[in-house]
Amino acid sequence: MLPKPGVFHFLWEICSGAVDEGSTVRTFGRLTNYDARISEAALSAHHNSNDYRLQVLTSLVEPFEARIGTEYMALGEMESTTALLCRRIPILTNLEISRTGHHPLTFDI
């Protein structure tokens, strides 16, 4: 079964608590950590001189071929206010990045 489309949220919106538990979301960031033993990864982004980090539970997308330092789009449900249960996590391409109108890792607005 395909997941709901998900409402797009920037990583810092999720990390600041603007998204409710159970919500289906779509976000993106740089993969900074991955532990295959516990199916857990971390996406991060930099915004307004702050670094934001979101825990991503990857048990539903295993085997996940993680590439640390690569930008990913994550789609899933908020398991808690700090963890995303991921249902899809493709690598972002330059074309997908350009559609956002911003570089996904540095937003100094």
PDB file of N, CA and C in Angstrom:
ATOM      1  N   MET A   1       0.834  -1.175   0.000  1.00  0.00           N
ATOM      2  CA  MET A   1       0.000   0.000   0.000  1.00  0.00           C
ATOM      3  C   MET A   1       0.883   1.245   0.000  1.00  0.00           C
ATOM      4  N   LEU A   2       0.559   2.196  -0.842  1.00  0.00           N
ATOM      5  CA  LEU A   2       1.321   3.437  -0.911  1.00  0.00           C
ATOM      6  C   LEU A   2       0.956   4.349   0.255  1.00  0.00           C
ATOM      7  N   PRO A   3       1.941   5.088   0.758  1.00  0.00           N
ATOM      8  CA  PRO A   3       1.640   6.041   1.827  1.00  0.00           C
ATOM      9  C   PRO A   3       0.886   7.244   1.286  1.00  0.00           C
ATOM     10  N   LYS A   4       0.258   7.997   2.182  1.00  0.00           N
ATOM     11  CA  LYS A   4      -0.390   9.251   1.789  1.00  0.00           C
ATOM     12  C   LYS A   4       0.679  10.169   1.212  1.00  0.00           C
ATOM     13  N   PRO A   5       0.292  11.147   0.390  1.00  0.00           N
ATOM     14  CA  PRO A   5       1.288  12.023  -0.217  1.00  0.00           C
ATOM     15  C   PRO A   5       2.144  12.764   0.804  1.00  0.00           C
ATOM     16  N   GLY A   6       1.583  13.130   1.914  1.00  0.00           N
ATOM     17  CA  GLY A   6       2.354  13.831   2.945  1.00  0.00           C
ATOM     18  C   GLY A   6       2.451  15.313   2.682  1.00  0.00           C
ATOM     19  N   VAL A   7       2.309  16.081   3.725  1.00  0.00           N
ATOM     20  CA  VAL A   7       2.441  17.531   3.645  1.00  0.00           C
ATOM     21  C   VAL A   7       3.923  17.855   3.774  1.00  0.00           C
ATOM     22  N   PHE A   8       4.421  18.710   2.879  1.00  0.00           N
ATOM     23  CA  PHE A   8       5.824  19.064   2.918  1.00  0.00           C
ATOM     24  C   PHE A   8       6.105  19.982   4.101  1.00  0.00           C
ATOM     25  N   HIS A   9       7.142  19.642   4.870  1.00  0.00           N
ATOM     26  CA  HIS A   9       7.611  20.481   5.979  1.00  0.00           C
ATOM     27  C   HIS A   9       9.124  20.532   5.912  1.00  0.00           C
ATOM     28  N   PHE A  10       9.674  21.713   6.171  1.00  0.00           N
ATOM     29  CA  PHE A  10      11.119  21.808   6.308  1.00  0.00           C
ATOM     30  C   PHE A  10      11.535  21.081   7.576  1.00  0.00           C
ATOM     31  N   LEU A  11      12.740  20.600   7.589  1.00  0.00           N
ATOM     32  CA  LEU A  11      13.254  19.849   8.731  1.00  0.00           C
ATOM     33  C   LEU A  11      13.151  20.653  10.022  1.00  0.00           C
ATOM     34  N   TRP A  12      13.451  21.943   9.965  1.00  0.00           N
ATOM     35  CA  TRP A  12      13.418  22.763  11.177  1.00  0.00           C
ATOM     36  C   TRP A  12      12.001  22.986  11.680  1.00  0.00           C
ATOM     37  N   GLU A  13      11.000  22.908  10.799  1.00  0.00           N
ATOM     38  CA  GLU A  13       9.610  22.995  11.254  1.00  0.00           C
ATOM     39  C   GLU A  13       9.242  21.758  12.062  1.00  0.00           C
ATOM     40  N   ILE A  14       9.676  20.609  11.576  1.00  0.00           N
ATOM     41  CA  ILE A  14       9.403  19.359  12.287  1.00  0.00           C
ATOM     42  C   ILE A  14      10.114  19.356  13.639  1.00  0.00           C
ATOM     43  N   CYS A  15      11.385  19.730  13.626  1.00  0.00           N
ATOM     44  CA  CYS A  15      12.188  19.706  14.851  1.00  0.00           C
ATOM     45  C   CYS A  15      11.713  20.722  15.884  1.00  0.00           C
ATOM     46  N   SER A  16      11.038  21.773  15.448  1.00  0.00           N
ATOM     47  CA  SER A  16      10.553  22.784  16.396  1.00  0.00           C
ATOM     48  C   SER A  16       9.190  22.422  16.983  1.00  0.00           C
ATOM     49  N   GLY A  17       8.637  21.276  16.572  1.00  0.00           N
ATOM     50  CA  GLY A  17       7.370  20.813  17.144  1.00  0.00           C
ATOM     51  C   GLY A  17       6.137  21.272  16.405  1.00  0.00           C
ATOM     52  N   ALA A  18       6.287  21.808  15.196  1.00  0.00           N
ATOM     53  CA  ALA A  18       5.145  22.308  14.437  1.00  0.00           C
ATOM     54  C   ALA A  18       4.308  21.201  13.797  1.00  0.00           C
ATOM     55  N   VAL A  19       4.796  19.955  13.862  1.00  0.00           N
ATOM     56  CA  VAL A  19       4.103  18.830  13.234  1.00  0.00           C
ATOM     57  C   VAL A  19       3.639  17.866  14.325  1.00  0.00           C
ATOM     58  N   ASP A  20       2.374  17.471  14.244  1.00  0.00           N
ATOM     59  CA  ASP A  20       1.794  16.583  15.260  1.00  0.00           C
ATOM     60  C   ASP A  20       2.201  15.127  15.050  1.00  0.00           C
ATOM     61  N   GLU A  21       2.245  14.392  16.137  1.00  0.00           N
ATOM     62  CA  GLU A  21       2.508  12.955  16.091  1.00  0.00           C
ATOM     63  C   GLU A  21       1.412  12.292  15.257  1.00  0.00           C
ATOM     64  N   GLY A  22       1.787  11.344  14.389  1.00  0.00           N
ATOM     65  CA  GLY A  22       0.835  10.654  13.524  1.00  0.00           C
ATOM     66  C   GLY A  22       0.626  11.313  12.177  1.00  0.00           C
ATOM     67  N   SER A  23       1.098  12.530  11.998  1.00  0.00           N
ATOM     68  CA  SER A  23       0.956  13.239  10.722  1.00  0.00           C
ATOM     69  C   SER A  23       1.833  12.599   9.653  1.00  0.00           C
ATOM     70  N   THR A  24       1.337  12.571   8.423  1.00  0.00           N
ATOM     71  CA  THR A  24       2.136  12.111   7.301  1.00  0.00           C
ATOM     72  C   THR A  24       2.873  13.318   6.742  1.00  0.00           C
ATOM     73  N   VAL A  25       4.197  13.208   6.679  1.00  0.00           N
ATOM     74  CA  VAL A  25       5.006  14.340   6.242  1.00  0.00           C
ATOM     75  C   VAL A  25       6.014  13.930   5.174  1.00  0.00           C
ATOM     76  N   ARG A  26       6.467  14.941   4.467  1.00  0.00           N
ATOM     77  CA  ARG A  26       7.537  14.803   3.489  1.00  0.00           C
ATOM     78  C   ARG A  26       8.559  15.881   3.836  1.00  0.00           C
ATOM     79  N   THR A  27       9.828  15.504   3.941  1.00  0.00           N
ATOM     80  CA  THR A  27      10.875  16.454   4.267  1.00  0.00           C
ATOM     81  C   THR A  27      12.167  16.027   3.593  1.00  0.00           C
ATOM     82  N   PHE A  28      13.194  16.834   3.708  1.00  0.00           N
ATOM     83  CA  PHE A  28      14.478  16.443   3.144  1.00  0.00           C
ATOM     84  C   PHE A  28      15.609  16.992   3.984  1.00  0.00           C
ATOM     85  N   GLY A  29      16.765  16.361   3.833  1.00  0.00           N
ATOM     86  CA  GLY A  29      17.953  16.784   4.551  1.00  0.00           C
ATOM     87  C   GLY A  29      19.127  15.893   4.182  1.00  0.00           C
ATOM     88  N   ARG A  30      20.256  16.191   4.780  1.00  0.00           N
ATOM     89  CA  ARG A  30      21.480  15.429   4.517  1.00  0.00           C
ATOM     90  C   ARG A  30      21.564  14.266   5.499  1.00  0.00           C
ATOM     91  N   LEU A  31      21.838  13.071   4.988  1.00  0.00           N
ATOM     92  CA  LEU A  31      21.998  11.903   5.854  1.00  0.00           C
ATOM     93  C   LEU A  31      23.320  12.027   6.610  1.00  0.00           C
ATOM     94  N   THR A  32      23.233  12.094   7.920  1.00  0.00           N
ATOM     95  CA  THR A  32      24.433  12.282   8.734  1.00  0.00           C
ATOM     96  C   THR A  32      24.793  11.067   9.570  1.00  0.00           C
ATOM     97  N   ASN A  33      23.853  10.131   9.703  1.00  0.00           N
ATOM     98  CA  ASN A  33      24.109   8.963  10.533  1.00  0.00           C
ATOM     99  C   ASN A  33      23.185   7.828  10.097  1.00  0.00           C
ATOM    100  N   TYR A  34      23.685   6.591  10.170  1.00  0.00           N
ATOM    101  CA  TYR A  34      22.847   5.425   9.884  1.00  0.00           C
ATOM    102  C   TYR A  34      23.375   4.231  10.652  1.00  0.00           C
ATOM    103  N   ASP A  35      22.490   3.566  11.374  1.00  0.00           N
ATOM    104  CA  ASP A  35      22.841   2.361  12.128  1.00  0.00           C
ATOM    105  C   ASP A  35      21.922   1.239  11.669  1.00  0.00           C
ATOM    106  N   ALA A  36      22.445   0.337  10.844  1.00  0.00           N
ATOM    107  CA  ALA A  36      21.648  -0.753  10.279  1.00  0.00           C
ATOM    108  C   ALA A  36      21.168  -1.738  11.344  1.00  0.00           C
ATOM    109  N   ARG A  37      21.924  -1.870  12.432  1.00  0.00           N
ATOM    110  CA  ARG A  37      21.540  -2.826  13.491  1.00  0.00           C
ATOM    111  C   ARG A  37      20.201  -2.468  14.118  1.00  0.00           C
ATOM    112  N   ILE A  38      19.920  -1.192  14.251  1.00  0.00           N
ATOM    113  CA  ILE A  38      18.670  -0.763  14.878  1.00  0.00           C
ATOM    114  C   ILE A  38      17.736  -0.050  13.898  1.00  0.00           C
ATOM    115  N   SER A  39      18.083  -0.063  12.601  1.00  0.00           N
ATOM    116  CA  SER A  39      17.283   0.569  11.541  1.00  0.00           C
ATOM    117  C   SER A  39      16.941   2.017  11.890  1.00  0.00           C
ATOM    118  N   GLU A  40      17.980   2.782  12.121  1.00  0.00           N
ATOM    119  CA  GLU A  40      17.790   4.178  12.489  1.00  0.00           C
ATOM    120  C   GLU A  40      18.806   5.054  11.769  1.00  0.00           C
ATOM    121  N   ALA A  41      18.318   6.175  11.251  1.00  0.00           N
ATOM    122  CA  ALA A  41      19.169   7.127  10.546  1.00  0.00           C
ATOM    123  C   ALA A  41      18.878   8.524  11.086  1.00  0.00           C
ATOM    124  N   ALA A  42      19.654   9.487  10.627  1.00  0.00           N
ATOM    125  CA  ALA A  42      19.416  10.880  11.007  1.00  0.00           C
ATOM    126  C   ALA A  42      19.592  11.767   9.783  1.00  0.00           C
ATOM    127  N   LEU A  43      18.625  12.650   9.581  1.00  0.00           N
ATOM    128  CA  LEU A  43      18.726  13.680   8.553  1.00  0.00           C
ATOM    129  C   LEU A  43      18.983  15.004   9.257  1.00  0.00           C
ATOM    130  N   SER A  44      19.798  15.847   8.634  1.00  0.00           N
ATOM    131  CA  SER A  44      20.067  17.145   9.245  1.00  0.00           C
ATOM    132  C   SER A  44      20.015  18.245   8.192  1.00  0.00           C
ATOM    133  N   ALA A  45      19.814  19.461   8.684  1.00  0.00           N
ATOM    134  CA  ALA A  45      19.780  20.653   7.831  1.00  0.00           C
ATOM    135  C   ALA A  45      20.224  21.841   8.659  1.00  0.00           C
ATOM    136  N   HIS A  46      20.698  22.866   7.972  1.00  0.00           N
ATOM    137  CA  HIS A  46      21.144  24.090   8.618  1.00  0.00           C
ATOM    138  C   HIS A  46      20.201  25.214   8.202  1.00  0.00           C
ATOM    139  N   HIS A  47      19.712  25.982   9.186  1.00  0.00           N
ATOM    140  CA  HIS A  47      18.783  27.084   8.905  1.00  0.00           C
ATOM    141  C   HIS A  47      18.979  28.193   9.931  1.00  0.00           C
ATOM    142  N   ASN A  48      19.176  29.418   9.449  1.00  0.00           N
ATOM    143  CA  ASN A  48      19.339  30.574  10.340  1.00  0.00           C
ATOM    144  C   ASN A  48      20.365  30.337  11.451  1.00  0.00           C
ATOM    145  N   SER A  49      21.522  29.890  11.073  1.00  0.00           N
ATOM    146  CA  SER A  49      22.642  29.658  11.992  1.00  0.00           C
ATOM    147  C   SER A  49      22.400  28.526  12.992  1.00  0.00           C
ATOM    148  N   ASN A  50      21.385  27.713  12.777  1.00  0.00           N
ATOM    149  CA  ASN A  50      21.107  26.577  13.656  1.00  0.00           C
ATOM    150  C   ASN A  50      21.156  25.282  12.861  1.00  0.00           C
ATOM    151  N   ASP A  51      21.592  24.224  13.516  1.00  0.00           N
ATOM    152  CA  ASP A  51      21.581  22.890  12.918  1.00  0.00           C
ATOM    153  C   ASP A  51      20.393  22.114  13.478  1.00  0.00           C
ATOM    154  N   TYR A  52      19.662  21.444  12.598  1.00  0.00           N
ATOM    155  CA  TYR A  52      18.504  20.656  12.999  1.00  0.00           C
ATOM    156  C   TYR A  52      18.735  19.213  12.600  1.00  0.00           C
ATOM    157  N   ARG A  53      18.250  18.300  13.432  1.00  0.00           N
ATOM    158  CA  ARG A  53      18.481  16.866  13.215  1.00  0.00           C
ATOM    159  C   ARG A  53      17.189  16.116  13.518  1.00  0.00           C
ATOM    160  N   LEU A  54      16.804  15.212  12.618  1.00  0.00           N
ATOM    161  CA  LEU A  54      15.590  14.420  12.785  1.00  0.00           C
ATOM    162  C   LEU A  54      15.945  12.936  12.752  1.00  0.00           C
ATOM    163  N   GLN A  55      15.463  12.210  13.734  1.00  0.00           N
ATOM    164  CA  GLN A  55      15.635  10.759  13.786  1.00  0.00           C
ATOM    165  C   GLN A  55      14.690  10.136  12.763  1.00  0.00           C
ATOM    166  N   VAL A  56      15.217   9.236  11.937  1.00  0.00           N
ATOM    167  CA  VAL A  56      14.424   8.568  10.906  1.00  0.00           C
ATOM    168  C   VAL A  56      14.503   7.065  11.144  1.00  0.00           C
ATOM    169  N   LEU A  57      13.348   6.448  11.376  1.00  0.00           N
ATOM    170  CA  LEU A  57      13.273   5.003  11.601  1.00  0.00           C
ATOM    171  C   LEU A  57      13.117   4.328  10.244  1.00  0.00           C
ATOM    172  N   THR A  58      14.078   3.487   9.883  1.00  0.00           N
ATOM    173  CA  THR A  58      14.142   2.928   8.529  1.00  0.00           C
ATOM    174  C   THR A  58      13.707   1.466   8.435  1.00  0.00           C
ATOM    175  N   SER A  59      13.068   0.925   9.448  1.00  0.00           N
ATOM    176  CA  SER A  59      12.714  -0.500   9.455  1.00  0.00           C
ATOM    177  C   SER A  59      11.806  -0.886   8.289  1.00  0.00           C
ATOM    178  N   LEU A  60      10.980   0.026   7.789  1.00  0.00           N
ATOM    179  CA  LEU A  60      10.066  -0.286   6.688  1.00  0.00           C
ATOM    180  C   LEU A  60      10.708  -0.157   5.315  1.00  0.00           C
ATOM    181  N   VAL A  61      11.927   0.368   5.242  1.00  0.00           N
ATOM    182  CA  VAL A  61      12.602   0.547   3.955  1.00  0.00           C
ATOM    183  C   VAL A  61      13.898  -0.255   3.872  1.00  0.00           C
ATOM    184  N   GLU A  62      14.087  -1.204   4.777  1.00  0.00           N
ATOM    185  CA  GLU A  62      15.293  -2.027   4.747  1.00  0.00           C
ATOM    186  C   GLU A  62      15.186  -3.045   3.628  1.00  0.00           C
ATOM    187  N   PRO A  63      16.257  -3.393   2.955  1.00  0.00           N
ATOM    188  CA  PRO A  63      17.612  -2.907   3.184  1.00  0.00           C
ATOM    189  C   PRO A  63      17.789  -1.505   2.600  1.00  0.00           C
ATOM    190  N   PHE A  64      18.304  -0.627   3.414  1.00  0.00           N
ATOM    191  CA  PHE A  64      18.512   0.765   3.034  1.00  0.00           C
ATOM    192  C   PHE A  64      19.990   0.960   2.744  1.00  0.00           C
ATOM    193  N   GLU A  65      20.299   1.306   1.507  1.00  0.00           N
ATOM    194  CA  GLU A  65      21.699   1.522   1.113  1.00  0.00           C
ATOM    195  C   GLU A  65      22.060   2.973   1.382  1.00  0.00           C
ATOM    196  N   ALA A  66      22.448   3.239   2.602  1.00  0.00           N
ATOM    197  CA  ALA A  66      22.713   4.606   3.046  1.00  0.00           C
ATOM    198  C   ALA A  66      24.006   5.148   2.469  1.00  0.00           C
ATOM    199  N   ARG A  67      23.961   6.406   2.095  1.00  0.00           N
ATOM    200  CA  ARG A  67      25.149   7.133   1.641  1.00  0.00           C
ATOM    201  C   ARG A  67      25.282   8.378   2.511  1.00  0.00           C
ATOM    202  N   ILE A  68      26.131   8.284   3.513  1.00  0.00           N
ATOM    203  CA  ILE A  68      26.327   9.395   4.439  1.00  0.00           C
ATOM    204  C   ILE A  68      26.776  10.629   3.655  1.00  0.00           C
ATOM    205  N   GLY A  69      26.191  11.773   3.970  1.00  0.00           N
ATOM    206  CA  GLY A  69      26.529  13.026   3.296  1.00  0.00           C
ATOM    207  C   GLY A  69      25.662  13.325   2.090  1.00  0.00           C
ATOM    208  N   THR A  70      24.793  12.397   1.714  1.00  0.00           N
ATOM    209  CA  THR A  70      23.926  12.567   0.554  1.00  0.00           C
ATOM    210  C   THR A  70      22.581  13.132   1.001  1.00  0.00           C
ATOM    211  N   GLU A  71      21.953  13.896   0.126  1.00  0.00           N
ATOM    212  CA  GLU A  71      20.657  14.490   0.430  1.00  0.00           C
ATOM    213  C   GLU A  71      19.537  13.518   0.086  1.00  0.00           C
ATOM    214  N   TYR A  72      18.600  13.358   1.018  1.00  0.00           N
ATOM    215  CA  TYR A  72      17.472  12.440   0.863  1.00  0.00           C
ATOM    216  C   TYR A  72      16.153  13.157   1.086  1.00  0.00           C
ATOM    217  N   MET A  73      15.111  12.666   0.415  1.00  0.00           N
ATOM    218  CA  MET A  73      13.735  13.081   0.676  1.00  0.00           C
ATOM    219  C   MET A  73      13.120  11.945   1.490  1.00  0.00           C
ATOM    220  N   ALA A  74      12.481  12.261   2.595  1.00  0.00           N
ATOM    221  CA  ALA A  74      11.876  11.229   3.438  1.00  0.00           C
ATOM    222  C   ALA A  74      10.370  11.441   3.495  1.00  0.00           C
ATOM    223  N   LEU A  75       9.633  10.350   3.343  1.00  0.00           N
ATOM    224  CA  LEU A  75       8.178  10.364   3.424  1.00  0.00           C
ATOM    225  C   LEU A  75       7.760   9.333   4.455  1.00  0.00           C
ATOM    226  N   GLY A  76       6.912   9.749   5.389  1.00  0.00           N
ATOM    227  CA  GLY A  76       6.450   8.812   6.403  1.00  0.00           C
ATOM    228  C   GLY A  76       5.564   9.487   7.424  1.00  0.00           C
ATOM    229  N   GLU A  77       5.322   8.770   8.519  1.00  0.00           N
ATOM    230  CA  GLU A  77       4.478   9.282   9.588  1.00  0.00           C
ATOM    231  C   GLU A  77       5.334   9.642  10.791  1.00  0.00           C
ATOM    232  N   MET A  78       4.946  10.707  11.466  1.00  0.00           N
ATOM    233  CA  MET A  78       5.648  11.101  12.679  1.00  0.00           C
ATOM    234  C   MET A  78       5.308  10.109  13.779  1.00  0.00           C
ATOM    235  N   GLU A  79       6.297   9.332  14.188  1.00  0.00           N
ATOM    236  CA  GLU A  79       6.139   8.335  15.247  1.00  0.00           C
ATOM    237  C   GLU A  79       6.042   9.038  16.604  1.00  0.00           C
ATOM    238  N   SER A  80       6.794  10.088  16.739  1.00  0.00           N
ATOM    239  CA  SER A  80       6.748  10.972  17.904  1.00  0.00           C
ATOM    240  C   SER A  80       7.090  12.359  17.371  1.00  0.00           C
ATOM    241  N   THR A  81       7.219  13.327  18.241  1.00  0.00           N
ATOM    242  CA  THR A  81       7.544  14.670  17.756  1.00  0.00           C
ATOM    243  C   THR A  81       8.993  14.778  17.305  1.00  0.00           C
ATOM    244  N   THR A  82       9.803  13.738  17.568  1.00  0.00           N
ATOM    245  CA  THR A  82      11.218  13.779  17.186  1.00  0.00           C
ATOM    246  C   THR A  82      11.647  12.641  16.270  1.00  0.00           C
ATOM    247  N   ALA A  83      10.720  11.760  15.865  1.00  0.00           N
ATOM    248  CA  ALA A  83      11.094  10.605  15.043  1.00  0.00           C
ATOM    249  C   ALA A  83      10.089  10.381  13.917  1.00  0.00           C
ATOM    250  N   LEU A  84      10.620  10.138  12.714  1.00  0.00           N
ATOM    251  CA  LEU A  84       9.812   9.880  11.524  1.00  0.00           C
ATOM    252  C   LEU A  84       9.918   8.403  11.157  1.00  0.00           C
ATOM    253  N   LEU A  85       8.764   7.704  11.107  1.00  0.00           N
ATOM    254  CA  LEU A  85       8.732   6.325  10.642  1.00  0.00           C
ATOM    255  C   LEU A  85       8.678   6.381   9.123  1.00  0.00           C
ATOM    256  N   CYS A  86       9.790   6.073   8.494  1.00  0.00           N
ATOM    257  CA  CYS A  86       9.978   6.302   7.062  1.00  0.00           C
ATOM    258  C   CYS A  86       9.367   5.173   6.229  1.00  0.00           C
ATOM    259  N   ARG A  87       8.619   5.551   5.192  1.00  0.00           N
ATOM    260  CA  ARG A  87       8.056   4.584   4.250  1.00  0.00           C
ATOM    261  C   ARG A  87       8.728   4.666   2.890  1.00  0.00           C
ATOM    262  N   ARG A  88       9.362   5.777   2.627  1.00  0.00           N
ATOM    263  CA  ARG A  88      10.088   5.967   1.361  1.00  0.00           C
ATOM    264  C   ARG A  88      11.186   6.984   1.611  1.00  0.00           C
ATOM    265  N   ILE A  89      12.396   6.706   1.067  1.00  0.00           N
ATOM    266  CA  ILE A  89      13.523   7.614   1.301  1.00  0.00           C
ATOM    267  C   ILE A  89      14.462   7.616   0.091  1.00  0.00           C
ATOM    268  N   PRO A  90      14.030   8.259  -1.002  1.00  0.00           N
ATOM    269  CA  PRO A  90      14.885   8.314  -2.189  1.00  0.00           C
ATOM    270  C   PRO A  90      15.964   9.394  -2.063  1.00  0.00           C
ATOM    271  N   ILE A  91      17.027   9.199  -2.810  1.00  0.00           N
ATOM    272  CA  ILE A  91      18.077  10.216  -2.902  1.00  0.00           C
ATOM    273  C   ILE A  91      17.530  11.367  -3.738  1.00  0.00           C
ATOM    274  N   LEU A  92      17.819  12.595  -3.325  1.00  0.00           N
ATOM    275  CA  LEU A  92      17.415  13.763  -4.107  1.00  0.00           C
ATOM    276  C   LEU A  92      18.392  13.979  -5.249  1.00  0.00           C
ATOM    277  N   THR A  93      17.853  14.276  -6.410  1.00  0.00           N
ATOM    278  CA  THR A  93      18.694  14.612  -7.554  1.00  0.00           C
ATOM    279  C   THR A  93      18.731  16.130  -7.703  1.00  0.00           C
ATOM    280  N   ASN A  94      19.616  16.616  -8.538  1.00  0.00           N
ATOM    281  CA  ASN A  94      19.704  18.061  -8.782  1.00  0.00           C
ATOM    282  C   ASN A  94      18.395  18.615  -9.322  1.00  0.00           C
ATOM    283  N   LEU A  95      17.691  17.852 -10.145  1.00  0.00           N
ATOM    284  CA  LEU A  95      16.417  18.295 -10.690  1.00  0.00           C
ATOM    285  C   LEU A  95      15.405  18.493  -9.569  1.00  0.00           C
ATOM    286  N   GLU A  96      15.308  17.542  -8.653  1.00  0.00           N
ATOM    287  CA  GLU A  96      14.356  17.653  -7.549  1.00  0.00           C
ATOM    288  C   GLU A  96      14.712  18.811  -6.629  1.00  0.00           C
ATOM    289  N   ILE A  97      15.993  19.060  -6.423  1.00  0.00           N
ATOM    290  CA  ILE A  97      16.424  20.171  -5.585  1.00  0.00           C
ATOM    291  C   ILE A  97      16.026  21.493  -6.218  1.00  0.00           C
ATOM    292  N   SER A  98      16.205  21.609  -7.545  1.00  0.00           N
ATOM    293  CA  SER A  98      15.897  22.866  -8.214  1.00  0.00           C
ATOM    294  C   SER A  98      14.408  23.183  -8.176  1.00  0.00           C
ATOM    295  N   ARG A  99      13.561  22.184  -8.061  1.00  0.00           N
ATOM    296  CA  ARG A  99      12.117  22.420  -7.984  1.00  0.00           C
ATOM    297  C   ARG A  99      11.727  23.128  -6.694  1.00  0.00           C
ATOM    298  N   THR A 100      12.509  22.973  -5.650  1.00  0.00           N
ATOM    299  CA  THR A 100      12.182  23.625  -4.383  1.00  0.00           C
ATOM    300  C   THR A 100      12.514  25.101  -4.424  1.00  0.00           C
ATOM    301  N   GLY A 101      13.399  25.512  -5.328  1.00  0.00           N
ATOM    302  CA  GLY A 101      13.795  26.897  -5.426  1.00  0.00           C
ATOM    303  C   GLY A 101      14.887  27.281  -4.450  1.00  0.00           C
ATOM    304  N   HIS A 102      15.341  26.342  -3.649  1.00  0.00           N
ATOM    305  CA  HIS A 102      16.370  26.588  -2.644  1.00  0.00           C
ATOM    306  C   HIS A 102      17.304  25.391  -2.601  1.00  0.00           C
ATOM    307  N   HIS A 103      18.485  25.606  -2.115  1.00  0.00           N
ATOM    308  CA  HIS A 103      19.336  24.474  -1.805  1.00  0.00           C
ATOM    309  C   HIS A 103      18.835  23.928  -0.482  1.00  0.00           C
ATOM    310  N   PRO A 104      18.597  22.629  -0.358  1.00  0.00           N
ATOM    311  CA  PRO A 104      17.880  22.089   0.806  1.00  0.00           C
ATOM    312  C   PRO A 104      18.646  22.147   2.121  1.00  0.00           C
ATOM    313  N   LEU A 105      19.919  22.435   2.101  1.00  0.00           N
ATOM    314  CA  LEU A 105      20.666  22.338   3.341  1.00  0.00           C
ATOM    315  C   LEU A 105      21.021  23.690   3.941  1.00  0.00           C
ATOM    316  N   THR A 106      20.849  24.762   3.188  1.00  0.00           N
ATOM    317  CA  THR A 106      21.177  26.085   3.708  1.00  0.00           C
ATOM    318  C   THR A 106      20.061  27.044   3.362  1.00  0.00           C
ATOM    319  N   PHE A 107      19.260  27.405   4.327  1.00  0.00           N
ATOM    320  CA  PHE A 107      18.166  28.336   4.143  1.00  0.00           C
ATOM    321  C   PHE A 107      18.338  29.473   5.134  1.00  0.00           C
ATOM    322  N   ASP A 108      19.020  30.516   4.744  1.00  0.00           N
ATOM    323  CA  ASP A 108      19.170  31.678   5.602  1.00  0.00           C
ATOM    324  C   ASP A 108      18.191  32.738   5.134  1.00  0.00           C
ATOM    325  N   ILE A 109      16.958  32.597   5.582  1.00  0.00           N
ATOM    326  CA  ILE A 109      15.874  33.474   5.155  1.00  0.00           C
ATOM    327  C   ILE A 109      15.684  34.572   6.191  1.00  0.00           C
TER     328      ILE A 109
END
